[in-house]
Amino acid sequence: MENIDKHIQKDEELLSDPTISPQSRRHTEEELEALKAYKENHPGESHDPTPLELYCDTHPDASECRVYDDWTSYRTGTDPLT
């Protein structure tokens, strides 16, 4: 997508289709909720966030979302936060 607003619009259009499968509807509803939350949490950004950005926005403590400033501790598996 070009930007987050267009992605939200596309998801809303998909949900207005009565023939969408239950699985697609559930996925699209969850994605739309995450996109709206991301937009609210990052008002100055307009890019279309990746699935990882959406996940990390709602799960900042997840190991997939950690950012290591000290690469030595990353390579050795020690957590500088402990």
Protein backbone atom coordinates (compact mmCIF):
# COMPACT_ATOMS: atom_id res chain seq x y z
CA MET A 1 0.00 0.00 0.00
CA GLU A 2 0.99 3.60 -0.51
CA ASN A 3 0.23 4.68 3.04
CA ILE A 4 -1.62 3.66 6.18
CA ASP A 5 -4.78 5.58 5.26
CA LYS A 6 -5.12 3.71 1.96
CA HIS A 7 -4.52 0.40 3.76
CA ILE A 8 -7.26 1.21 6.29
CA GLN A 9 -9.59 2.19 3.44
CA LYS A 10 -8.85 -1.08 1.60
CA ASP A 11 -9.55 -3.15 4.71
CA GLU A 12 -12.82 -1.29 5.32
CA GLU A 13 -13.86 -1.96 1.72
CA LEU A 14 -13.05 -5.65 2.13
CA LEU A 15 -15.18 -5.84 5.26
CA SER A 16 -18.13 -4.26 3.46
CA ASP A 17 -18.17 -7.24 1.06
CA PRO A 18 -20.80 -9.72 2.32
CA THR A 19 -19.18 -12.59 0.39
CA ILE A 20 -15.84 -12.44 2.24
CA SER A 21 -14.96 -15.71 3.94
CA PRO A 22 -15.11 -15.89 7.76
CA GLN A 23 -11.35 -16.45 7.92
CA SER A 24 -10.61 -13.44 5.71
CA ARG A 25 -13.07 -11.34 7.68
CA ARG A 26 -11.41 -12.24 10.99
CA HIS A 27 -7.92 -11.53 9.61
CA THR A 28 -9.01 -8.23 8.06
CA GLU A 29 -10.79 -7.11 11.24
CA GLU A 30 -7.68 -7.85 13.33
CA GLU A 31 -5.43 -6.09 10.82
CA LEU A 32 -7.73 -3.07 10.67
CA GLU A 33 -7.77 -2.81 14.46
CA ALA A 34 -3.95 -2.97 14.54
CA LEU A 35 -3.63 -0.36 11.76
CA LYS A 36 -5.95 2.05 13.55
CA ALA A 37 -4.07 1.59 16.84
CA TYR A 38 -0.73 2.12 15.06
CA LYS A 39 -2.01 5.30 13.42
CA GLU A 40 -3.22 6.59 16.78
CA ASN A 41 0.11 5.76 18.47
CA HIS A 42 2.20 7.27 15.63
CA PRO A 43 0.30 10.37 14.46
CA GLY A 44 3.26 11.83 12.56
CA GLU A 45 3.82 8.74 10.41
CA SER A 46 1.89 8.01 7.24
CA HIS A 47 3.80 5.01 5.80
CA ASP A 48 2.09 1.64 5.65
CA PRO A 49 3.57 -0.31 8.58
CA THR A 50 4.87 -3.83 8.13
CA PRO A 51 3.29 -6.73 10.02
CA LEU A 52 6.31 -6.70 12.35
CA GLU A 53 5.80 -3.00 13.09
CA LEU A 54 2.15 -3.65 13.89
CA TYR A 55 3.05 -6.58 16.12
CA CYS A 56 5.77 -4.67 17.97
CA ASP A 57 3.48 -1.70 18.46
CA THR A 58 1.11 -3.89 20.48
CA HIS A 59 3.77 -6.22 21.96
CA PRO A 60 6.81 -4.02 22.66
CA ASP A 61 8.30 -6.48 25.17
CA ALA A 62 8.30 -9.43 22.76
CA SER A 63 11.74 -10.83 21.99
CA GLU A 64 11.17 -10.20 18.27
CA CYS A 65 10.82 -6.48 19.03
CA ARG A 66 13.90 -5.93 21.13
CA VAL A 67 16.49 -3.53 19.86
CA TYR A 68 20.03 -4.21 21.01
CA ASP A 69 22.35 -1.25 21.31
CA ASP A 70 25.13 -3.52 22.50
CA TRP A 71 25.73 -6.16 19.79
CA THR A 72 28.12 -8.09 22.04
CA SER A 73 25.30 -9.02 24.40
CA TYR A 74 23.11 -9.94 21.41
CA ARG A 75 25.71 -12.31 19.99
CA THR A 76 26.44 -13.91 23.34
CA GLY A 77 22.78 -14.28 24.25
CA THR A 78 23.04 -12.22 27.43
CA ASP A 79 20.33 -9.71 28.02
CA PRO A 80 21.65 -6.28 28.99
CA LEU A 81 18.31 -5.55 30.65
CA THR A 82 18.73 -8.24 33.28
